C-alpha atoms as a PDB file:
ATOM      1  CA  UNK A   1     -30.584  36.602 -56.832  1.00  0.00           C
ATOM      2  CA  UNK A   2     -27.265  34.850 -56.480  1.00  0.00           C
ATOM      3  CA  UNK A   3     -26.093  34.322 -52.953  1.00  0.00           C
ATOM      4  CA  UNK A   4     -23.006  36.126 -51.768  1.00  0.00           C
ATOM      5  CA  UNK A   5     -19.999  34.027 -51.006  1.00  0.00           C
ATOM      6  CA  UNK A   6     -20.527  33.928 -47.275  1.00  0.00           C
ATOM      7  CA  UNK A   7     -16.981  33.545 -46.003  1.00  0.00           C
ATOM      8  CA  UNK A   8     -15.246  36.880 -45.427  1.00  0.00           C
ATOM      9  CA  UNK A   9     -18.220  38.899 -46.640  1.00  0.00           C
ATOM     10  CA  UNK A  10     -19.820  39.713 -43.275  1.00  0.00           C
ATOM     11  CA  UNK A  11     -18.919  42.803 -41.274  1.00  0.00           C
ATOM     12  CA  UNK A  12     -17.719  41.986 -37.779  1.00  0.00           C
ATOM     13  CA  UNK A  13     -18.245  43.891 -34.542  1.00  0.00           C
ATOM     14  CA  UNK A  14     -15.117  43.190 -32.545  1.00  0.00           C
ATOM     15  CA  UNK A  15     -16.016  42.645 -28.887  1.00  0.00           C
ATOM     16  CA  UNK A  16     -13.356  41.865 -26.321  1.00  0.00           C
ATOM     17  CA  UNK A  17     -11.733  42.861 -23.081  1.00  0.00           C
ATOM     18  CA  UNK A  18      -9.897  45.833 -24.587  1.00  0.00           C
ATOM     19  CA  UNK A  19     -11.089  49.219 -23.292  1.00  0.00           C
ATOM     20  CA  UNK A  20     -11.971  50.410 -26.805  1.00  0.00           C
ATOM     21  CA  UNK A  21     -14.427  48.491 -28.962  1.00  0.00           C
ATOM     22  CA  UNK A  22     -14.041  48.760 -32.721  1.00  0.00           C
ATOM     23  CA  UNK A  23     -17.202  49.839 -34.506  1.00  0.00           C
ATOM     24  CA  UNK A  24     -18.154  48.587 -37.969  1.00  0.00           C
ATOM     25  CA  UNK A  25     -17.661  50.973 -40.860  1.00  0.00           C
ATOM     26  CA  UNK A  26     -19.845  51.134 -43.966  1.00  0.00           C
ATOM     27  CA  UNK A  27     -17.733  51.429 -47.109  1.00  0.00           C
ATOM     28  CA  UNK A  28     -18.680  53.305 -50.265  1.00  0.00           C
ATOM     29  CA  UNK A  29     -17.606  51.503 -53.433  1.00  0.00           C
ATOM     30  CA  UNK A  30     -17.557  53.698 -56.547  1.00  0.00           C
ATOM     31  CA  UNK A  31     -17.398  52.366 -60.087  1.00  0.00           C
ATOM     32  CA  UNK A  32     -14.814  54.126 -62.250  1.00  0.00           C
ATOM     33  CA  UNK A  33     -14.509  51.367 -64.827  1.00  0.00           C
ATOM     34  CA  UNK A  34     -15.035  51.472 -68.583  1.00  0.00           C
ATOM     35  CA  UNK A  35     -16.163  48.869 -71.110  1.00  0.00           C
ATOM     36  CA  UNK A  36     -13.592  47.231 -73.362  1.00  0.00           C
ATOM     37  CA  UNK A  37     -13.118  44.391 -75.845  1.00  0.00           C
ATOM     38  CA  UNK A  38      -9.468  43.847 -74.816  1.00  0.00           C
ATOM     39  CA  UNK A  39      -8.897  41.011 -72.342  1.00  0.00           C
ATOM     40  CA  UNK A  40      -5.533  42.466 -71.262  1.00  0.00           C
ATOM     41  CA  UNK A  41      -6.834  45.885 -70.209  1.00  0.00           C
ATOM     42  CA  UNK A  42      -7.592  46.707 -66.576  1.00  0.00           C
ATOM     43  CA  UNK A  43     -10.952  48.266 -67.350  1.00  0.00           C
ATOM     44  CA  UNK A  44     -12.540  47.359 -64.003  1.00  0.00           C
ATOM     45  CA  UNK A  45     -11.681  50.097 -61.522  1.00  0.00           C
ATOM     46  CA  UNK A  46     -13.480  50.463 -58.198  1.00  0.00           C
ATOM     47  CA  UNK A  47     -12.433  52.866 -55.424  1.00  0.00           C
ATOM     48  CA  UNK A  48     -13.287  52.387 -51.749  1.00  0.00           C
ATOM     49  CA  UNK A  49     -13.828  55.096 -49.148  1.00  0.00           C
ATOM     50  CA  UNK A  50     -14.725  54.757 -45.480  1.00  0.00           C
ATOM     51  CA  UNK A  51     -14.211  57.655 -43.042  1.00  0.00           C
ATOM     52  CA  UNK A  52     -12.287  56.565 -39.964  1.00  0.00           C
ATOM     53  CA  UNK A  53     -11.635  53.063 -41.261  1.00  0.00           C
ATOM     54  CA  UNK A  54      -8.585  51.418 -39.716  1.00  0.00           C
ATOM     55  CA  UNK A  55      -9.080  47.689 -40.190  1.00  0.00           C
ATOM     56  CA  UNK A  56     -10.329  45.395 -42.916  1.00  0.00           C
ATOM     57  CA  UNK A  57      -9.730  41.969 -44.398  1.00  0.00           C
ATOM     58  CA  UNK A  58      -9.004  41.108 -48.014  1.00  0.00           C
ATOM     59  CA  UNK A  59      -9.316  37.496 -49.118  1.00  0.00           C
ATOM     60  CA  UNK A  60      -8.299  35.799 -52.349  1.00  0.00           C
ATOM     61  CA  UNK A  61     -10.679  32.826 -52.635  1.00  0.00           C
ATOM     62  CA  UNK A  62     -10.942  30.107 -55.263  1.00  0.00           C
ATOM     63  CA  UNK A  63     -13.787  30.810 -57.738  1.00  0.00           C
ATOM     64  CA  UNK A  64     -17.014  28.995 -56.913  1.00  0.00           C
ATOM     65  CA  UNK A  65     -16.633  26.852 -60.043  1.00  0.00           C
ATOM     66  CA  UNK A  66     -13.006  25.958 -59.204  1.00  0.00           C
ATOM     67  CA  UNK A  67     -13.488  22.279 -58.274  1.00  0.00           C
ATOM     68  CA  UNK A  68     -15.008  21.565 -61.720  1.00  0.00           C
ATOM     69  CA  UNK A  69     -12.190  23.153 -63.735  1.00  0.00           C
ATOM     70  CA  UNK A  70     -10.165  20.831 -65.939  1.00  0.00           C
ATOM     71  CA  UNK A  71      -7.989  23.484 -67.619  1.00  0.00           C
ATOM     72  CA  UNK A  72      -6.067  26.327 -66.018  1.00  0.00           C
ATOM     73  CA  UNK A  73      -6.088  28.823 -68.917  1.00  0.00           C
ATOM     74  CA  UNK A  74      -3.667  31.671 -68.324  1.00  0.00           C
ATOM     75  CA  UNK A  75      -2.191  32.712 -71.689  1.00  0.00           C
ATOM     76  CA  UNK A  76      -2.449  36.377 -72.655  1.00  0.00           C
ATOM     77  CA  UNK A  77      -5.087  37.319 -75.226  1.00  0.00           C
ATOM     78  CA  UNK A  78      -4.364  40.536 -77.135  1.00  0.00           C
ATOM     79  CA  UNK A  79      -7.359  40.219 -79.480  1.00  0.00           C
ATOM     80  CA  UNK A  80      -8.983  43.645 -79.953  1.00  0.00           C
ATOM     81  CA  UNK A  81      -6.137  45.304 -78.045  1.00  0.00           C
ATOM     82  CA  UNK A  82      -4.457  48.465 -79.285  1.00  0.00           C
ATOM     83  CA  UNK A  83      -0.734  49.123 -78.922  1.00  0.00           C
ATOM     84  CA  UNK A  84       0.083  51.707 -76.288  1.00  0.00           C
ATOM     85  CA  UNK A  85       2.477  54.491 -77.205  1.00  0.00           C
ATOM     86  CA  UNK A  86       3.579  55.010 -73.596  1.00  0.00           C
ATOM     87  CA  UNK A  87       7.287  54.645 -72.961  1.00  0.00           C
ATOM     88  CA  UNK A  88       8.685  53.129 -69.787  1.00  0.00           C
ATOM     89  CA  UNK A  89      11.404  54.735 -67.694  1.00  0.00           C
ATOM     90  CA  UNK A  90      14.698  52.927 -68.149  1.00  0.00           C
ATOM     91  CA  UNK A  91      16.266  51.007 -65.270  1.00  0.00           C
ATOM     92  CA  UNK A  92      19.375  48.898 -64.889  1.00  0.00           C
ATOM     93  CA  UNK A  93      17.999  45.391 -64.421  1.00  0.00           C
ATOM     94  CA  UNK A  94      19.374  43.174 -61.655  1.00  0.00           C
ATOM     95  CA  UNK A  95      19.447  39.450 -61.224  1.00  0.00           C
ATOM     96  CA  UNK A  96      16.589  38.346 -58.934  1.00  0.00           C
ATOM     97  CA  UNK A  97      17.592  38.886 -55.305  1.00  0.00           C
ATOM     98  CA  UNK A  98      16.748  36.471 -52.497  1.00  0.00           C
ATOM     99  CA  UNK A  99      16.000  38.909 -49.688  1.00  0.00           C
ATOM    100  CA  UNK A 100      15.166  36.217 -47.155  1.00  0.00           C
ATOM    101  CA  UNK A 101      14.733  32.454 -47.029  1.00  0.00           C
ATOM    102  CA  UNK A 102      14.051  29.849 -44.372  1.00  0.00           C
ATOM    103  CA  UNK A 103      12.309  26.466 -44.260  1.00  0.00           C
ATOM    104  CA  UNK A 104       8.868  28.088 -44.568  1.00  0.00           C
ATOM    105  CA  UNK A 105       9.107  31.184 -46.792  1.00  0.00           C
ATOM    106  CA  UNK A 106      11.239  32.932 -49.401  1.00  0.00           C
ATOM    107  CA  UNK A 107      11.108  36.631 -50.293  1.00  0.00           C
ATOM    108  CA  UNK A 108      12.456  37.779 -53.663  1.00  0.00           C
ATOM    109  CA  UNK A 109      13.140  41.199 -55.191  1.00  0.00           C
ATOM    110  CA  UNK A 110      12.912  41.792 -58.968  1.00  0.00           C
ATOM    111  CA  UNK A 111      14.162  44.832 -60.917  1.00  0.00           C
ATOM    112  CA  UNK A 112      13.004  45.255 -64.525  1.00  0.00           C
ATOM    113  CA  UNK A 113      14.720  47.083 -67.365  1.00  0.00           C
ATOM    114  CA  UNK A 114      11.792  49.499 -67.634  1.00  0.00           C
ATOM    115  CA  UNK A 115       8.749  50.609 -65.671  1.00  0.00           C
ATOM    116  CA  UNK A 116       6.147  53.355 -65.875  1.00  0.00           C
ATOM    117  CA  UNK A 117       7.122  54.959 -62.523  1.00  0.00           C
ATOM    118  CA  UNK A 118      10.507  55.669 -60.986  1.00  0.00           C
ATOM    119  CA  UNK A 119       9.464  55.683 -57.325  1.00  0.00           C
ATOM    120  CA  UNK A 120      12.332  54.293 -55.226  1.00  0.00           C
ATOM    121  CA  UNK A 121      11.228  52.057 -52.367  1.00  0.00           C
ATOM    122  CA  UNK A 122      13.414  50.960 -49.470  1.00  0.00           C
ATOM    123  CA  UNK A 123      13.026  47.293 -48.469  1.00  0.00           C
ATOM    124  CA  UNK A 124      14.016  45.655 -45.179  1.00  0.00           C
ATOM    125  CA  UNK A 125      13.673  42.067 -44.008  1.00  0.00           C
ATOM    126  CA  UNK A 126      15.352  40.379 -41.026  1.00  0.00           C
ATOM    127  CA  UNK A 127      17.892  43.202 -40.738  1.00  0.00           C
ATOM    128  CA  UNK A 128      18.818  43.187 -44.408  1.00  0.00           C
ATOM    129  CA  UNK A 129      18.276  46.475 -46.261  1.00  0.00           C
ATOM    130  CA  UNK A 130      17.978  46.887 -50.021  1.00  0.00           C
ATOM    131  CA  UNK A 131      15.701  48.701 -52.447  1.00  0.00           C
ATOM    132  CA  UNK A 132      14.855  49.773 -55.966  1.00  0.00           C
ATOM    133  CA  UNK A 133      12.761  46.680 -56.714  1.00  0.00           C
ATOM    134  CA  UNK A 134       9.781  46.791 -59.028  1.00  0.00           C
ATOM    135  CA  UNK A 135       8.354  43.533 -57.727  1.00  0.00           C
ATOM    136  CA  UNK A 136       8.483  41.798 -54.349  1.00  0.00           C
ATOM    137  CA  UNK A 137       7.493  38.120 -54.391  1.00  0.00           C
ATOM    138  CA  UNK A 138       6.529  35.986 -51.401  1.00  0.00           C
ATOM    139  CA  UNK A 139       6.836  32.210 -51.763  1.00  0.00           C
ATOM    140  CA  UNK A 140       5.594  29.654 -49.233  1.00  0.00           C
ATOM    141  CA  UNK A 141       7.047  26.179 -48.801  1.00  0.00           C
ATOM    142  CA  UNK A 142       5.253  22.925 -48.094  1.00  0.00           C
ATOM    143  CA  UNK A 143       7.989  20.321 -48.082  1.00  0.00           C
ATOM    144  CA  UNK A 144       9.426  20.187 -51.587  1.00  0.00           C
ATOM    145  CA  UNK A 145       6.530  22.226 -52.980  1.00  0.00           C
ATOM    146  CA  UNK A 146       7.180  25.971 -53.311  1.00  0.00           C
ATOM    147  CA  UNK A 147       4.301  28.246 -54.333  1.00  0.00           C
ATOM    148  CA  UNK A 148       4.167  31.998 -54.926  1.00  0.00           C
ATOM    149  CA  UNK A 149       1.338  33.434 -52.806  1.00  0.00           C
ATOM    150  CA  UNK A 150       1.722  37.229 -52.928  1.00  0.00           C
ATOM    151  CA  UNK A 151       3.326  39.925 -55.023  1.00  0.00           C
ATOM    152  CA  UNK A 152       3.667  43.640 -54.392  1.00  0.00           C
ATOM    153  CA  UNK A 153       4.536  46.003 -57.249  1.00  0.00           C
ATOM    154  CA  UNK A 154       6.445  48.322 -54.953  1.00  0.00           C
ATOM    155  CA  UNK A 155       6.831  51.311 -57.286  1.00  0.00           C
ATOM    156  CA  UNK A 156       3.096  51.797 -57.846  1.00  0.00           C
ATOM    157  CA  UNK A 157       1.537  49.960 -54.900  1.00  0.00           C
ATOM    158  CA  UNK A 158      -0.327  47.104 -56.617  1.00  0.00           C
ATOM    159  CA  UNK A 159      -0.893  43.914 -54.584  1.00  0.00           C
ATOM    160  CA  UNK A 160      -1.925  40.484 -55.844  1.00  0.00           C
ATOM    161  CA  UNK A 161      -2.842  37.481 -53.714  1.00  0.00           C
ATOM    162  CA  UNK A 162      -3.592  33.868 -54.505  1.00  0.00           C
ATOM    163  CA  UNK A 163      -4.327  30.743 -52.458  1.00  0.00           C
ATOM    164  CA  UNK A 164      -2.463  27.484 -52.902  1.00  0.00           C
ATOM    165  CA  UNK A 165      -3.399  25.716 -56.150  1.00  0.00           C
ATOM    166  CA  UNK A 166      -6.591  23.778 -56.661  1.00  0.00           C
ATOM    167  CA  UNK A 167      -5.870  20.050 -56.153  1.00  0.00           C
ATOM    168  CA  UNK A 168      -6.117  19.284 -59.896  1.00  0.00           C
ATOM    169  CA  UNK A 169      -3.432  21.824 -60.829  1.00  0.00           C
ATOM    170  CA  UNK A 170       0.258  22.085 -60.035  1.00  0.00           C
ATOM    171  CA  UNK A 171       0.194  25.885 -59.926  1.00  0.00           C
ATOM    172  CA  UNK A 172      -2.167  28.831 -59.741  1.00  0.00           C
ATOM    173  CA  UNK A 173      -2.540  32.218 -61.418  1.00  0.00           C
ATOM    174  CA  UNK A 174      -3.167  35.771 -60.294  1.00  0.00           C
ATOM    175  CA  UNK A 175      -6.183  37.748 -61.381  1.00  0.00           C
ATOM    176  CA  UNK A 176      -7.484  41.017 -59.974  1.00  0.00           C
ATOM    177  CA  UNK A 177      -5.096  43.390 -58.205  1.00  0.00           C
ATOM    178  CA  UNK A 178      -5.727  45.993 -55.523  1.00  0.00           C
ATOM    179  CA  UNK A 179      -4.188  49.088 -53.991  1.00  0.00           C
ATOM    180  CA  UNK A 180      -3.939  49.914 -50.271  1.00  0.00           C
ATOM    181  CA  UNK A 181      -3.337  53.428 -48.945  1.00  0.00           C
ATOM    182  CA  UNK A 182      -3.776  56.951 -50.356  1.00  0.00           C
ATOM    183  CA  UNK A 183      -4.805  56.239 -53.962  1.00  0.00           C
ATOM    184  CA  UNK A 184      -3.760  58.791 -56.596  1.00  0.00           C
ATOM    185  CA  UNK A 185      -4.242  58.914 -60.355  1.00  0.00           C
ATOM    186  CA  UNK A 186      -1.711  59.887 -62.988  1.00  0.00           C
ATOM    187  CA  UNK A 187      -2.538  58.096 -66.199  1.00  0.00           C
ATOM    188  CA  UNK A 188      -3.513  55.133 -64.040  1.00  0.00           C
ATOM    189  CA  UNK A 189      -4.172  54.695 -60.297  1.00  0.00           C
ATOM    190  CA  UNK A 190      -1.224  54.183 -57.951  1.00  0.00           C
ATOM    191  CA  UNK A 191      -0.066  54.479 -54.350  1.00  0.00           C
ATOM    192  CA  UNK A 192       3.285  56.040 -53.532  1.00  0.00           C
ATOM    193  CA  UNK A 193       5.154  53.695 -51.185  1.00  0.00           C
ATOM    194  CA  UNK A 194       8.173  54.952 -49.270  1.00  0.00           C
ATOM    195  CA  UNK A 195       9.353  51.716 -47.660  1.00  0.00           C
ATOM    196  CA  UNK A 196       8.432  48.074 -47.129  1.00  0.00           C
ATOM    197  CA  UNK A 197       9.440  45.951 -44.154  1.00  0.00           C
ATOM    198  CA  UNK A 198       8.655  42.228 -43.985  1.00  0.00           C
ATOM    199  CA  UNK A 199       8.494  40.196 -40.771  1.00  0.00           C
ATOM    200  CA  UNK A 200       8.764  36.498 -41.764  1.00  0.00           C
ATOM    201  CA  UNK A 201       7.858  35.296 -38.281  1.00  0.00           C
ATOM    202  CA  UNK A 202       4.515  37.134 -38.347  1.00  0.00           C
ATOM    203  CA  UNK A 203       4.065  36.850 -42.140  1.00  0.00           C
ATOM    204  CA  UNK A 204       3.453  40.590 -42.088  1.00  0.00           C
ATOM    205  CA  UNK A 205       4.343  43.510 -44.352  1.00  0.00           C
ATOM    206  CA  UNK A 206       4.680  47.018 -42.922  1.00  0.00           C
ATOM    207  CA  UNK A 207       4.281  49.593 -45.693  1.00  0.00           C
ATOM    208  CA  UNK A 208       5.012  53.312 -45.168  1.00  0.00           C
ATOM    209  CA  UNK A 209       3.449  55.782 -47.615  1.00  0.00           C
ATOM    210  CA  UNK A 210       5.096  58.860 -49.121  1.00  0.00           C
ATOM    211  CA  UNK A 211       1.980  60.908 -48.285  1.00  0.00           C
ATOM    212  CA  UNK A 212       2.217  59.850 -44.622  1.00  0.00           C
ATOM    213  CA  UNK A 213       0.778  56.999 -42.626  1.00  0.00           C
ATOM    214  CA  UNK A 214       1.327  53.291 -42.981  1.00  0.00           C
ATOM    215  CA  UNK A 215      -0.382  49.947 -43.406  1.00  0.00           C
ATOM    216  CA  UNK A 216       0.250  46.518 -41.943  1.00  0.00           C
ATOM    217  CA  UNK A 217      -0.738  43.590 -44.168  1.00  0.00           C
ATOM    218  CA  UNK A 218      -0.630  40.283 -42.275  1.00  0.00           C
ATOM    219  CA  UNK A 219      -1.371  36.878 -43.765  1.00  0.00           C
ATOM    220  CA  UNK A 220      -3.790  35.125 -41.412  1.00  0.00           C
ATOM    221  CA  UNK A 221      -4.803  32.076 -43.453  1.00  0.00           C
ATOM    222  CA  UNK A 222      -3.294  30.366 -46.457  1.00  0.00           C
ATOM    223  CA  UNK A 223      -4.533  27.062 -47.847  1.00  0.00           C
ATOM    224  CA  UNK A 224      -5.898  25.586 -51.072  1.00  0.00           C
ATOM    225  CA  UNK A 225      -9.194  27.429 -50.616  1.00  0.00           C
ATOM    226  CA  UNK A 226      -8.112  30.962 -49.750  1.00  0.00           C
ATOM    227  CA  UNK A 227      -5.463  33.439 -48.693  1.00  0.00           C
ATOM    228  CA  UNK A 228      -6.793  35.895 -46.125  1.00  0.00           C
ATOM    229  CA  UNK A 229      -4.889  39.008 -45.057  1.00  0.00           C
ATOM    230  CA  UNK A 230      -5.718  41.454 -42.258  1.00  0.00           C
ATOM    231  CA  UNK A 231      -4.990  45.102 -43.065  1.00  0.00           C
ATOM    232  CA  UNK A 232      -4.497  47.897 -40.520  1.00  0.00           C
ATOM    233  CA  UNK A 233      -4.201  51.535 -41.625  1.00  0.00           C
ATOM    234  CA  UNK A 234      -2.445  53.889 -39.201  1.00  0.00           C
ATOM    235  CA  UNK A 235      -3.829  56.510 -39.303  1.00  0.00           C
ATOM    236  CA  UNK A 236      -6.980  56.106 -41.416  1.00  0.00           C
ATOM    237  CA  UNK A 237      -6.727  57.541 -44.929  1.00  0.00           C
ATOM    238  CA  UNK A 238      -8.530  60.884 -45.068  1.00  0.00           C
ATOM    239  CA  UNK A 239      -9.793  62.885 -48.014  1.00  0.00           C
ATOM    240  CA  UNK A 240      -9.906  60.050 -50.519  1.00  0.00           C
ATOM    241  CA  UNK A 241      -9.967  56.292 -51.134  1.00  0.00           C
ATOM    242  CA  UNK A 242      -8.245  53.914 -48.719  1.00  0.00           C
ATOM    243  CA  UNK A 243      -8.141  51.149 -51.345  1.00  0.00           C
ATOM    244  CA  UNK A 244      -9.023  50.345 -54.946  1.00  0.00           C
ATOM    245  CA  UNK A 245      -9.477  47.295 -57.147  1.00  0.00           C
ATOM    246  CA  UNK A 246      -8.255  46.842 -60.723  1.00  0.00           C
ATOM    247  CA  UNK A 247      -9.296  43.985 -62.980  1.00  0.00           C
ATOM    248  CA  UNK A 248     -10.560  43.124 -66.456  1.00  0.00           C
ATOM    249  CA  UNK A 249     -13.964  42.263 -67.869  1.00  0.00           C
ATOM    250  CA  UNK A 250     -15.022  41.655 -71.463  1.00  0.00           C
ATOM    251  CA  UNK A 251     -17.812  39.123 -70.909  1.00  0.00           C
ATOM    252  CA  UNK A 252     -18.892  36.780 -68.127  1.00  0.00           C
ATOM    253  CA  UNK A 253     -16.824  33.992 -69.703  1.00  0.00           C
ATOM    254  CA  UNK A 254     -13.873  36.286 -70.491  1.00  0.00           C
ATOM    255  CA  UNK A 255     -13.028  38.106 -67.303  1.00  0.00           C
ATOM    256  CA  UNK A 256     -10.788  38.165 -64.256  1.00  0.00           C
ATOM    257  CA  UNK A 257     -13.849  39.375 -62.368  1.00  0.00           C
ATOM    258  CA  UNK A 258     -17.426  39.642 -63.589  1.00  0.00           C
ATOM    259  CA  UNK A 259     -19.643  41.075 -60.864  1.00  0.00           C
ATOM    260  CA  UNK A 260     -19.793  42.906 -57.582  1.00  0.00           C
ATOM    261  CA  UNK A 261     -21.670  40.970 -54.893  1.00  0.00           C
ATOM    262  CA  UNK A 262     -22.369  43.149 -51.873  1.00  0.00           C
ATOM    263  CA  UNK A 263     -24.251  43.286 -48.611  1.00  0.00           C
ATOM    264  CA  UNK A 264     -26.062  46.496 -47.689  1.00  0.00           C
ATOM    265  CA  UNK A 265     -25.694  48.398 -44.400  1.00  0.00           C
ATOM    266  CA  UNK A 266     -28.951  46.890 -43.083  1.00  0.00           C
ATOM    267  CA  UNK A 267     -28.396  43.460 -44.603  1.00  0.00           C
ATOM    268  CA  UNK A 268     -29.645  42.102 -47.886  1.00  0.00           C
ATOM    269  CA  UNK A 269     -27.479  40.634 -50.636  1.00  0.00           C
ATOM    270  CA  UNK A 270     -27.127  42.303 -54.023  1.00  0.00           C
ATOM    271  CA  UNK A 271     -25.350  41.600 -57.317  1.00  0.00           C
ATOM    272  CA  UNK A 272     -24.267  44.064 -60.005  1.00  0.00           C
ATOM    273  CA  UNK A 273     -21.967  43.938 -63.047  1.00  0.00           C
ATOM    274  CA  UNK A 274     -18.323  44.676 -62.239  1.00  0.00           C
ATOM    275  CA  UNK A 275     -18.474  47.611 -64.688  1.00  0.00           C
ATOM    276  CA  UNK A 276     -21.447  49.957 -64.533  1.00  0.00           C
ATOM    277  CA  UNK A 277     -22.675  49.423 -60.961  1.00  0.00           C
ATOM    278  CA  UNK A 278     -22.405  53.126 -60.156  1.00  0.00           C
ATOM    279  CA  UNK A 279     -21.960  53.465 -56.417  1.00  0.00           C
ATOM    280  CA  UNK A 280     -22.975  51.272 -53.482  1.00  0.00           C
ATOM    281  CA  UNK A 281     -22.696  51.461 -49.702  1.00  0.00           C
ATOM    282  CA  UNK A 282     -21.779  48.076 -48.295  1.00  0.00           C
ATOM    283  CA  UNK A 283     -20.849  46.312 -45.082  1.00  0.00           C
ATOM    284  CA  UNK A 284     -18.938  43.718 -47.141  1.00  0.00           C
ATOM    285  CA  UNK A 285     -18.456  42.909 -50.809  1.00  0.00           C
ATOM    286  CA  UNK A 286     -16.644  40.705 -53.279  1.00  0.00           C
ATOM    287  CA  UNK A 287     -15.548  40.909 -56.907  1.00  0.00           C
ATOM    288  CA  UNK A 288     -16.416  37.427 -58.147  1.00  0.00           C
ATOM    289  CA  UNK A 289     -17.075  35.090 -61.083  1.00  0.00           C
ATOM    290  CA  UNK A 290     -19.903  32.568 -61.220  1.00  0.00           C
ATOM    291  CA  UNK A 291     -19.294  31.454 -64.821  1.00  0.00           C
ATOM    292  CA  UNK A 292     -16.031  29.694 -65.801  1.00  0.00           C
ATOM    293  CA  UNK A 293     -13.784  32.112 -67.661  1.00  0.00           C
ATOM    294  CA  UNK A 294     -11.479  31.308 -70.547  1.00  0.00           C
ATOM    295  CA  UNK A 295      -9.142  34.030 -69.260  1.00  0.00           C
ATOM    296  CA  UNK A 296      -7.186  33.224 -66.079  1.00  0.00           C
ATOM    297  CA  UNK A 297      -9.705  30.474 -65.382  1.00  0.00           C
ATOM    298  CA  UNK A 298      -8.434  29.576 -61.902  1.00  0.00           C
ATOM    299  CA  UNK A 299      -7.646  33.113 -60.747  1.00  0.00           C
ATOM    300  CA  UNK A 300      -9.214  33.834 -57.350  1.00  0.00           C
ATOM    301  CA  UNK A 301     -12.111  36.084 -56.466  1.00  0.00           C
ATOM    302  CA  UNK A 302     -11.319  39.029 -54.159  1.00  0.00           C
ATOM    303  CA  UNK A 303     -13.463  39.595 -51.071  1.00  0.00           C
ATOM    304  CA  UNK A 304     -13.391  42.616 -48.747  1.00  0.00           C
ATOM    305  CA  UNK A 305     -14.927  42.740 -45.280  1.00  0.00           C
ATOM    306  CA  UNK A 306     -14.489  43.114 -41.513  1.00  0.00           C
ATOM    307  CA  UNK A 307     -14.415  46.905 -41.876  1.00  0.00           C
ATOM    308  CA  UNK A 308     -13.957  48.682 -38.556  1.00  0.00           C
ATOM    309  CA  UNK A 309     -12.504  51.819 -37.007  1.00  0.00           C
END
């Protein structure tokens, strides 16, 4: 059996001087995906539930085969894809807005001419208030090099993370996306976000949800190997999933993610296909690729762990 990617896939019991000690939480991961032949369809759909869960870590990590890649394939492939009849809601597009910039980071807001939801989201950063953006982009600076590391689709709650590029490439690509907060479904999964506040000093997003509660998403590590973010839910999400993953899979060599690698509550590493695994109870897990893919070849794997209350 393939080994799990060890980093970020072990549950942690947080022991310290604080009067309350966080206890590990076992998470149920449920497969709601479907098979497809279209490489541009998010057919991988996994929902995560964990009663009382307040804290977890999500890490975007270079695929295990990354160092051997010579081509960073990222072009769309609409082979075997049908044309959707869905119509987007019309918006008045805006020029991209620089919401904040210093010598280390830049935050941008993008408004499209159309989108499938009309949720209005207030945005605040360093005292500046704005809103109505479909996409929020976070760029990090390393001297003259500027790299996009995170995007949040504010109107439906989709996050994407990526580490700095592999050394052989000048840029990197996104792959799987995930949702944080009270997940709903209306044609497709989404999370209703009320407001987003970004603290550039802490590299932290504070997201308030329309259904109540909030999440803090704080970047803890960013390098050429991984981007790791700590998530705190306040209060825990009750009565449904606290997070979900969306991705695509056609075949092992044509996928943004190909399998679920997970560790059971009592230990033991397991591997299942990303679509069709049913339901598992795990202390940590990752949606990964072990075979080089011709679709978004250098897109990162997504790992979830450090679940605690």
